Amino acid sequence: MGKNSKVSIITVVYNGAKTLEQTIKSVLNQTYRNIEYIIVDGGSTDGTIDIIKKYEDKIAFWVSEKDKGLYDAMNKGIGYATGDIIGMINSDDWYEPNAVELIVEAYENNPQKKIFHGDRYNILQDGQKSLRRFNPSRFKFLYYGMTYNHPSMFVHRDIYEITRYNTELRALSDYQFVLIQYLKKPSWFCYIPESYVNYRLDGISYQMKISQNLREGFNARKNAGMNSILNLFSYCFRFSIKRFKYILKR
């Protein structure tokens, strides 16, 4: 480990021509230079490939082929990555210019840590930003939902060599992945109190019905090894909260 730590960044995209260029530029314009940039496209037909080709001399590797969805594409990207740590930035999102520099500094100063994460900016439909900080509540993470900001995460390649994303889940595989690591060794996590990634609030998880979200959450906890009784408690607790929120909106 040293000041020349290699960082792999993976972008998965499918028909993302409207936003992909912003994502690419945010990676190429990082203040830290030793970056291996990988793009995995799912066979786009909307001009995405033309955008990738525009920057392909600055991209370490890219591929365009059909896949089984978001998490399958992410797993493919991990398979191509050779960096010491690996980050994921989807084609709807973008980094602040110093994002990787912050990550590398934390990585090199904390050799015992394996997963680095921070805060994020949520981007609303009107373009306004709202800050979403990491919530350190153990209770909320285990029994309600994702308190970590997955788009901010950079993961040591050793972790990905053991665990990949579950392609059977539609939207909460990142939650299952993080939960597995947390239940295994919470001391692996290193929080960086900075917001260095921008996340558009129009992803799959925001399009799911409540029943689908509850079912995926239950399966994610089960797959991660959570006790059945605690998982049932989580399901009932989440159902009660979501039901209460639904009633308030009426």
C-alpha atoms as a PDB file:
ATOM      1  CA  MET A   1       0.000   0.000   0.000  1.00  0.00           C
ATOM      2  CA  GLY A   2       1.273   3.457  -0.844  1.00  0.00           C
ATOM      3  CA  LYS A   3       0.445   6.780  -2.398  1.00  0.00           C
ATOM      4  CA  ASN A   4       0.034   5.091  -5.789  1.00  0.00           C
ATOM      5  CA  SER A   5      -2.855   2.847  -4.716  1.00  0.00           C
ATOM      6  CA  LYS A   6      -4.838   1.719  -7.728  1.00  0.00           C
ATOM      7  CA  VAL A   7      -8.555   2.468  -7.680  1.00  0.00           C
ATOM      8  CA  SER A   8     -11.034   0.724  -9.976  1.00  0.00           C
ATOM      9  CA  ILE A   9     -14.303   2.509 -10.742  1.00  0.00           C
ATOM     10  CA  ILE A  10     -17.157   0.691 -12.458  1.00  0.00           C
ATOM     11  CA  THR A  11     -20.103   2.257 -14.267  1.00  0.00           C
ATOM     12  CA  VAL A  12     -22.978   0.030 -15.342  1.00  0.00           C
ATOM     13  CA  VAL A  13     -25.379   1.473 -17.897  1.00  0.00           C
ATOM     14  CA  TYR A  14     -28.298   0.565 -20.121  1.00  0.00           C
ATOM     15  CA  ASN A  15     -29.773   3.216 -22.410  1.00  0.00           C
ATOM     16  CA  GLY A  16     -28.312   5.969 -20.278  1.00  0.00           C
ATOM     17  CA  ALA A  17     -27.377   8.464 -22.986  1.00  0.00           C
ATOM     18  CA  LYS A  18     -29.083  11.360 -21.189  1.00  0.00           C
ATOM     19  CA  THR A  19     -26.806  11.235 -18.141  1.00  0.00           C
ATOM     20  CA  LEU A  20     -23.829   8.976 -18.895  1.00  0.00           C
ATOM     21  CA  GLU A  21     -21.509  11.715 -20.140  1.00  0.00           C
ATOM     22  CA  GLN A  22     -21.786  13.574 -16.847  1.00  0.00           C
ATOM     23  CA  THR A  23     -20.887  10.362 -15.016  1.00  0.00           C
ATOM     24  CA  ILE A  24     -17.876   9.700 -17.242  1.00  0.00           C
ATOM     25  CA  LYS A  25     -16.564  13.262 -16.915  1.00  0.00           C
ATOM     26  CA  SER A  26     -16.851  13.091 -13.129  1.00  0.00           C
ATOM     27  CA  VAL A  27     -14.532  10.063 -13.120  1.00  0.00           C
ATOM     28  CA  LEU A  28     -12.061  11.404 -15.664  1.00  0.00           C
ATOM     29  CA  ASN A  29     -11.827  14.767 -13.867  1.00  0.00           C
ATOM     30  CA  GLN A  30     -10.881  13.347 -10.475  1.00  0.00           C
ATOM     31  CA  THR A  31      -8.001  15.033  -8.632  1.00  0.00           C
ATOM     32  CA  TYR A  32      -6.549  11.547  -8.009  1.00  0.00           C
ATOM     33  CA  ARG A  33      -5.066  10.032 -11.156  1.00  0.00           C
ATOM     34  CA  ASN A  34      -4.346   6.299 -10.662  1.00  0.00           C
ATOM     35  CA  ILE A  35      -7.837   5.178 -11.670  1.00  0.00           C
ATOM     36  CA  GLU A  36      -8.853   2.183 -13.743  1.00  0.00           C
ATOM     37  CA  TYR A  37     -12.216   3.078 -15.279  1.00  0.00           C
ATOM     38  CA  ILE A  38     -14.505   0.265 -16.458  1.00  0.00           C
ATOM     39  CA  ILE A  39     -17.891   0.603 -18.162  1.00  0.00           C
ATOM     40  CA  VAL A  40     -20.307  -2.319 -18.498  1.00  0.00           C
ATOM     41  CA  ASP A  41     -23.166  -1.656 -20.909  1.00  0.00           C
ATOM     42  CA  GLY A  42     -26.176  -3.928 -21.195  1.00  0.00           C
ATOM     43  CA  GLY A  43     -26.600  -3.612 -24.948  1.00  0.00           C
ATOM     44  CA  SER A  44     -27.863  -0.041 -25.235  1.00  0.00           C
ATOM     45  CA  THR A  45     -29.650   1.210 -28.362  1.00  0.00           C
ATOM     46  CA  ASP A  46     -30.054   4.920 -27.579  1.00  0.00           C
ATOM     47  CA  GLY A  47     -26.664   6.449 -28.336  1.00  0.00           C
ATOM     48  CA  THR A  48     -24.942   5.296 -25.158  1.00  0.00           C
ATOM     49  CA  ILE A  49     -22.261   3.452 -27.141  1.00  0.00           C
ATOM     50  CA  ASP A  50     -21.401   6.619 -29.089  1.00  0.00           C
ATOM     51  CA  ILE A  51     -20.768   8.414 -25.803  1.00  0.00           C
ATOM     52  CA  ILE A  52     -18.556   5.593 -24.533  1.00  0.00           C
ATOM     53  CA  LYS A  53     -16.547   5.583 -27.768  1.00  0.00           C
ATOM     54  CA  LYS A  54     -16.051   9.337 -27.463  1.00  0.00           C
ATOM     55  CA  TYR A  55     -14.011   8.705 -24.301  1.00  0.00           C
ATOM     56  CA  GLU A  56     -12.690   5.192 -24.924  1.00  0.00           C
ATOM     57  CA  ASP A  57      -9.037   6.308 -25.055  1.00  0.00           C
ATOM     58  CA  LYS A  58      -9.418   7.280 -21.381  1.00  0.00           C
ATOM     59  CA  ILE A  59     -11.392   4.178 -20.368  1.00  0.00           C
ATOM     60  CA  ALA A  60      -9.390   1.128 -19.287  1.00  0.00           C
ATOM     61  CA  PHE A  61     -12.018  -1.346 -20.462  1.00  0.00           C
ATOM     62  CA  TRP A  62     -15.595  -1.358 -21.698  1.00  0.00           C
ATOM     63  CA  VAL A  63     -18.006  -3.978 -22.953  1.00  0.00           C
ATOM     64  CA  SER A  64     -21.516  -3.926 -24.397  1.00  0.00           C
ATOM     65  CA  GLU A  65     -23.558  -7.094 -24.177  1.00  0.00           C
ATOM     66  CA  LYS A  66     -26.832  -8.337 -22.760  1.00  0.00           C
ATOM     67  CA  ASP A  67     -26.881  -9.072 -19.061  1.00  0.00           C
ATOM     68  CA  LYS A  68     -29.330 -10.176 -16.380  1.00  0.00           C
ATOM     69  CA  GLY A  69     -29.780  -6.749 -14.875  1.00  0.00           C
ATOM     70  CA  LEU A  70     -28.024  -4.168 -12.729  1.00  0.00           C
ATOM     71  CA  TYR A  71     -26.354  -6.506 -10.263  1.00  0.00           C
ATOM     72  CA  ASP A  72     -25.204  -8.955 -12.913  1.00  0.00           C
ATOM     73  CA  ALA A  73     -23.517  -6.035 -14.700  1.00  0.00           C
ATOM     74  CA  MET A  74     -21.906  -4.910 -11.446  1.00  0.00           C
ATOM     75  CA  ASN A  75     -20.541  -8.402 -10.862  1.00  0.00           C
ATOM     76  CA  LYS A  76     -19.136  -8.430 -14.398  1.00  0.00           C
ATOM     77  CA  GLY A  77     -17.368  -5.157 -13.746  1.00  0.00           C
ATOM     78  CA  ILE A  78     -15.857  -6.507 -10.535  1.00  0.00           C
ATOM     79  CA  GLY A  79     -14.529  -9.456 -12.504  1.00  0.00           C
ATOM     80  CA  TYR A  80     -12.646  -7.089 -14.825  1.00  0.00           C
ATOM     81  CA  ALA A  81     -11.303  -4.832 -12.050  1.00  0.00           C
ATOM     82  CA  THR A  82      -7.666  -5.025 -10.918  1.00  0.00           C
ATOM     83  CA  GLY A  83      -7.543  -2.143  -8.427  1.00  0.00           C
ATOM     84  CA  ASP A  84      -6.779  -2.313  -4.715  1.00  0.00           C
ATOM     85  CA  ILE A  85     -10.220  -0.875  -3.964  1.00  0.00           C
ATOM     86  CA  ILE A  86     -13.313  -0.777  -6.157  1.00  0.00           C
ATOM     87  CA  GLY A  87     -16.080   1.816  -6.426  1.00  0.00           C
ATOM     88  CA  MET A  88     -19.431   1.753  -8.245  1.00  0.00           C
ATOM     89  CA  ILE A  89     -20.927   4.837  -9.883  1.00  0.00           C
ATOM     90  CA  ASN A  90     -24.059   4.224 -11.938  1.00  0.00           C
ATOM     91  CA  SER A  91     -24.864   6.162 -15.098  1.00  0.00           C
ATOM     92  CA  ASP A  92     -27.433   8.361 -13.334  1.00  0.00           C
ATOM     93  CA  ASP A  93     -24.930   9.575 -10.739  1.00  0.00           C
ATOM     94  CA  TRP A  94     -21.657  11.489 -10.525  1.00  0.00           C
ATOM     95  CA  TYR A  95     -18.725  12.142  -8.183  1.00  0.00           C
ATOM     96  CA  GLU A  96     -17.441  15.367  -6.739  1.00  0.00           C
ATOM     97  CA  PRO A  97     -13.899  16.086  -8.107  1.00  0.00           C
ATOM     98  CA  ASN A  98     -12.092  15.067  -4.888  1.00  0.00           C
ATOM     99  CA  ALA A  99     -14.059  11.864  -4.226  1.00  0.00           C
ATOM    100  CA  VAL A 100     -11.317   9.350  -5.014  1.00  0.00           C
ATOM    101  CA  GLU A 101      -8.663  11.444  -3.287  1.00  0.00           C
ATOM    102  CA  LEU A 102     -10.726  11.304  -0.077  1.00  0.00           C
ATOM    103  CA  ILE A 103     -11.132   7.543  -0.426  1.00  0.00           C
ATOM    104  CA  VAL A 104      -7.446   6.858  -1.058  1.00  0.00           C
ATOM    105  CA  GLU A 105      -6.419   8.993   1.918  1.00  0.00           C
ATOM    106  CA  ALA A 106      -8.756   7.020   4.185  1.00  0.00           C
ATOM    107  CA  TYR A 107      -7.635   3.718   2.665  1.00  0.00           C
ATOM    108  CA  GLU A 108      -3.951   4.413   3.137  1.00  0.00           C
ATOM    109  CA  ASN A 109      -4.401   5.729   6.687  1.00  0.00           C
ATOM    110  CA  ASN A 110      -6.598   2.816   7.820  1.00  0.00           C
ATOM    111  CA  PRO A 111      -5.035  -0.452   6.622  1.00  0.00           C
ATOM    112  CA  GLN A 112      -7.308  -2.504   8.883  1.00  0.00           C
ATOM    113  CA  LYS A 113     -10.464  -1.214   7.166  1.00  0.00           C
ATOM    114  CA  LYS A 114     -12.103  -2.845   4.152  1.00  0.00           C
ATOM    115  CA  ILE A 115     -15.156  -0.741   3.233  1.00  0.00           C
ATOM    116  CA  PHE A 116     -15.029   3.035   2.880  1.00  0.00           C
ATOM    117  CA  HIS A 117     -18.190   5.135   2.717  1.00  0.00           C
ATOM    118  CA  GLY A 118     -19.481   8.644   3.232  1.00  0.00           C
ATOM    119  CA  ASP A 119     -22.443  10.941   2.741  1.00  0.00           C
ATOM    120  CA  ARG A 120     -24.199  11.777  -0.505  1.00  0.00           C
ATOM    121  CA  TYR A 121     -26.244  14.462  -2.205  1.00  0.00           C
ATOM    122  CA  ASN A 122     -29.695  13.345  -3.303  1.00  0.00           C
ATOM    123  CA  ILE A 123     -30.650  15.002  -6.581  1.00  0.00           C
ATOM    124  CA  LEU A 124     -34.348  15.785  -6.835  1.00  0.00           C
ATOM    125  CA  GLN A 125     -36.287  15.857 -10.107  1.00  0.00           C
ATOM    126  CA  ASP A 126     -36.075  19.649 -10.249  1.00  0.00           C
ATOM    127  CA  GLY A 127     -32.290  19.487  -9.893  1.00  0.00           C
ATOM    128  CA  GLN A 128     -32.193  20.633  -6.276  1.00  0.00           C
ATOM    129  CA  LYS A 129     -29.766  18.924  -3.892  1.00  0.00           C
ATOM    130  CA  SER A 130     -30.456  17.563  -0.431  1.00  0.00           C
ATOM    131  CA  LEU A 131     -27.790  16.111   1.845  1.00  0.00           C
ATOM    132  CA  ARG A 132     -28.222  12.504   2.983  1.00  0.00           C
ATOM    133  CA  ARG A 133     -25.832  11.700   5.781  1.00  0.00           C
ATOM    134  CA  PHE A 134     -24.876   8.215   6.863  1.00  0.00           C
ATOM    135  CA  ASN A 135     -27.073   7.144   9.761  1.00  0.00           C
ATOM    136  CA  PRO A 136     -24.997   5.132  12.263  1.00  0.00           C
ATOM    137  CA  SER A 137     -28.048   3.540  13.940  1.00  0.00           C
ATOM    138  CA  ARG A 138     -27.467  -0.211  14.173  1.00  0.00           C
ATOM    139  CA  PHE A 139     -31.165  -0.800  14.871  1.00  0.00           C
ATOM    140  CA  LYS A 140     -32.323   1.107  11.803  1.00  0.00           C
ATOM    141  CA  PHE A 141     -29.804  -0.624   9.516  1.00  0.00           C
ATOM    142  CA  LEU A 142     -30.624  -4.135  10.706  1.00  0.00           C
ATOM    143  CA  TYR A 143     -34.385  -3.858  10.972  1.00  0.00           C
ATOM    144  CA  TYR A 144     -35.566  -1.055   8.723  1.00  0.00           C
ATOM    145  CA  GLY A 145     -33.344  -0.406   5.728  1.00  0.00           C
ATOM    146  CA  MET A 146     -30.163   0.838   4.127  1.00  0.00           C
ATOM    147  CA  THR A 147     -28.524   3.529   6.249  1.00  0.00           C
ATOM    148  CA  TYR A 148     -25.254   3.386   4.325  1.00  0.00           C
ATOM    149  CA  ASN A 149     -24.867   5.308   1.069  1.00  0.00           C
ATOM    150  CA  HIS A 150     -23.915   2.553  -1.350  1.00  0.00           C
ATOM    151  CA  PRO A 151     -22.976   4.949  -4.210  1.00  0.00           C
ATOM    152  CA  SER A 152     -20.308   6.388  -1.896  1.00  0.00           C
ATOM    153  CA  MET A 153     -18.776   2.980  -1.149  1.00  0.00           C
ATOM    154  CA  PHE A 154     -15.353   1.781  -2.171  1.00  0.00           C
ATOM    155  CA  VAL A 155     -14.678  -1.835  -1.259  1.00  0.00           C
ATOM    156  CA  HIS A 156     -11.385  -3.684  -0.855  1.00  0.00           C
ATOM    157  CA  ARG A 157     -10.981  -6.233  -3.620  1.00  0.00           C
ATOM    158  CA  ASP A 158     -10.530  -8.990  -0.966  1.00  0.00           C
ATOM    159  CA  ILE A 159     -14.196  -8.569  -0.018  1.00  0.00           C
ATOM    160  CA  TYR A 160     -15.400  -8.858  -3.610  1.00  0.00           C
ATOM    161  CA  GLU A 161     -13.325 -11.992  -4.121  1.00  0.00           C
ATOM    162  CA  ILE A 162     -15.499 -13.665  -1.478  1.00  0.00           C
ATOM    163  CA  THR A 163     -18.892 -11.995  -1.930  1.00  0.00           C
ATOM    164  CA  ARG A 164     -20.639 -10.602  -5.011  1.00  0.00           C
ATOM    165  CA  TYR A 165     -24.089  -9.086  -5.531  1.00  0.00           C
ATOM    166  CA  ASN A 166     -27.125 -11.355  -5.522  1.00  0.00           C
ATOM    167  CA  THR A 167     -28.599 -11.224  -9.025  1.00  0.00           C
ATOM    168  CA  GLU A 168     -31.913 -12.723  -7.833  1.00  0.00           C
ATOM    169  CA  LEU A 169     -32.842  -9.464  -6.109  1.00  0.00           C
ATOM    170  CA  ARG A 170     -34.167  -6.563  -8.165  1.00  0.00           C
ATOM    171  CA  ALA A 171     -33.268  -3.568  -5.995  1.00  0.00           C
ATOM    172  CA  LEU A 172     -31.911  -4.522  -2.573  1.00  0.00           C
ATOM    173  CA  SER A 173     -28.885  -6.643  -3.437  1.00  0.00           C
ATOM    174  CA  ASP A 174     -26.610  -3.808  -2.334  1.00  0.00           C
ATOM    175  CA  TYR A 175     -28.343  -3.894   1.067  1.00  0.00           C
ATOM    176  CA  GLN A 176     -27.799  -7.666   1.291  1.00  0.00           C
ATOM    177  CA  PHE A 177     -24.134  -7.261   0.334  1.00  0.00           C
ATOM    178  CA  VAL A 178     -23.498  -4.587   2.965  1.00  0.00           C
ATOM    179  CA  LEU A 179     -25.468  -6.497   5.616  1.00  0.00           C
ATOM    180  CA  ILE A 180     -23.371  -9.623   5.023  1.00  0.00           C
ATOM    181  CA  GLN A 181     -20.181  -7.657   5.668  1.00  0.00           C
ATOM    182  CA  TYR A 182     -21.666  -5.870   8.681  1.00  0.00           C
ATOM    183  CA  LEU A 183     -22.804  -9.105  10.343  1.00  0.00           C
ATOM    184  CA  LYS A 184     -19.398 -10.604   9.636  1.00  0.00           C
ATOM    185  CA  LYS A 185     -17.220  -7.753  10.954  1.00  0.00           C
ATOM    186  CA  PRO A 186     -18.617  -4.234  11.543  1.00  0.00           C
ATOM    187  CA  SER A 187     -15.119  -2.938  12.327  1.00  0.00           C
ATOM    188  CA  TRP A 188     -14.277  -3.236   8.609  1.00  0.00           C
ATOM    189  CA  PHE A 189     -16.321  -0.110   7.869  1.00  0.00           C
ATOM    190  CA  CYS A 190     -14.669   3.305   7.673  1.00  0.00           C
ATOM    191  CA  TYR A 191     -16.913   6.364   7.591  1.00  0.00           C
ATOM    192  CA  ILE A 192     -15.690   9.508   5.823  1.00  0.00           C
ATOM    193  CA  PRO A 193     -17.779  12.512   7.001  1.00  0.00           C
ATOM    194  CA  GLU A 194     -17.889  14.130   3.568  1.00  0.00           C
ATOM    195  CA  SER A 195     -20.471  14.205   0.769  1.00  0.00           C
ATOM    196  CA  TYR A 196     -18.642  13.321  -2.440  1.00  0.00           C
ATOM    197  CA  VAL A 197     -21.235  11.602  -4.626  1.00  0.00           C
ATOM    198  CA  ASN A 198     -24.451  12.813  -6.277  1.00  0.00           C
ATOM    199  CA  TYR A 199     -27.368  10.388  -6.519  1.00  0.00           C
ATOM    200  CA  ARG A 200     -30.509  10.866  -8.617  1.00  0.00           C
ATOM    201  CA  LEU A 201     -33.672   9.710  -6.864  1.00  0.00           C
ATOM    202  CA  ASP A 202     -35.166   7.779  -9.761  1.00  0.00           C
ATOM    203  CA  GLY A 203     -33.620   4.329  -9.397  1.00  0.00           C
ATOM    204  CA  ILE A 204     -35.289   0.925  -9.236  1.00  0.00           C
ATOM    205  CA  SER A 205     -35.798   1.006  -5.464  1.00  0.00           C
ATOM    206  CA  TYR A 206     -37.905   4.174  -5.784  1.00  0.00           C
ATOM    207  CA  GLN A 207     -40.142   2.528  -8.399  1.00  0.00           C
ATOM    208  CA  MET A 208     -40.963  -0.619  -6.403  1.00  0.00           C
ATOM    209  CA  LYS A 209     -44.306  -1.235  -4.776  1.00  0.00           C
ATOM    210  CA  ILE A 210     -44.325  -1.436  -0.978  1.00  0.00           C
ATOM    211  CA  SER A 211     -45.128  -5.161  -1.065  1.00  0.00           C
ATOM    212  CA  GLN A 212     -42.179  -5.838  -3.379  1.00  0.00           C
ATOM    213  CA  ASN A 213     -39.841  -3.794  -1.200  1.00  0.00           C
ATOM    214  CA  LEU A 214     -40.934  -5.635   1.944  1.00  0.00           C
ATOM    215  CA  ARG A 215     -40.480  -9.017   0.279  1.00  0.00           C
ATOM    216  CA  GLU A 216     -37.035  -8.139  -1.068  1.00  0.00           C
ATOM    217  CA  GLY A 217     -35.986  -6.824   2.328  1.00  0.00           C
ATOM    218  CA  PHE A 218     -37.065 -10.071   3.973  1.00  0.00           C
ATOM    219  CA  ASN A 219     -35.162 -12.150   1.416  1.00  0.00           C
ATOM    220  CA  ALA A 220     -32.060  -9.943   1.661  1.00  0.00           C
ATOM    221  CA  ARG A 221     -31.934 -10.389   5.447  1.00  0.00           C
ATOM    222  CA  LYS A 222     -32.545 -14.112   5.135  1.00  0.00           C
ATOM    223  CA  ASN A 223     -29.769 -14.485   2.553  1.00  0.00           C
ATOM    224  CA  ALA A 224     -27.406 -12.461   4.735  1.00  0.00           C
ATOM    225  CA  GLY A 225     -27.939 -14.936   7.583  1.00  0.00           C
ATOM    226  CA  MET A 226     -30.235 -12.972   9.891  1.00  0.00           C
ATOM    227  CA  ASN A 227     -32.097 -14.963  12.543  1.00  0.00           C
ATOM    228  CA  SER A 228     -35.613 -15.902  11.348  1.00  0.00           C
ATOM    229  CA  ILE A 229     -37.378 -14.387  14.356  1.00  0.00           C
ATOM    230  CA  LEU A 230     -35.475 -11.114  14.027  1.00  0.00           C
ATOM    231  CA  ASN A 231     -36.194 -11.106  10.291  1.00  0.00           C
ATOM    232  CA  LEU A 232     -39.923 -11.533  10.962  1.00  0.00           C
ATOM    233  CA  PHE A 233     -39.757  -8.694  13.479  1.00  0.00           C
ATOM    234  CA  SER A 234     -38.064  -6.552  10.822  1.00  0.00           C
ATOM    235  CA  TYR A 235     -40.781  -7.356   8.280  1.00  0.00           C
ATOM    236  CA  CYS A 236     -43.568  -6.417  10.690  1.00  0.00           C
ATOM    237  CA  PHE A 237     -41.752  -3.288  11.834  1.00  0.00           C
ATOM    238  CA  ARG A 238     -41.136  -2.095   8.267  1.00  0.00           C
ATOM    239  CA  PHE A 239     -44.735  -2.886   7.287  1.00  0.00           C
ATOM    240  CA  SER A 240     -46.042  -0.812  10.211  1.00  0.00           C
ATOM    241  CA  ILE A 241     -43.841   2.182   9.362  1.00  0.00           C
ATOM    242  CA  LYS A 242     -44.656   2.107   5.647  1.00  0.00           C
ATOM    243  CA  ARG A 243     -48.368   1.676   6.375  1.00  0.00           C
ATOM    244  CA  PHE A 244     -48.284   4.642   8.750  1.00  0.00           C
ATOM    245  CA  LYS A 245     -46.527   6.800   6.141  1.00  0.00           C
ATOM    246  CA  TYR A 246     -49.089   5.778   3.520  1.00  0.00           C
ATOM    247  CA  ILE A 247     -51.983   6.795   5.807  1.00  0.00           C
ATOM    248  CA  LEU A 248     -50.375  10.172   6.488  1.00  0.00           C
ATOM    249  CA  LYS A 249     -50.150  10.889   2.758  1.00  0.00           C
ATOM    250  CA  ARG A 250     -53.859  10.260   2.180  1.00  0.00           C
END
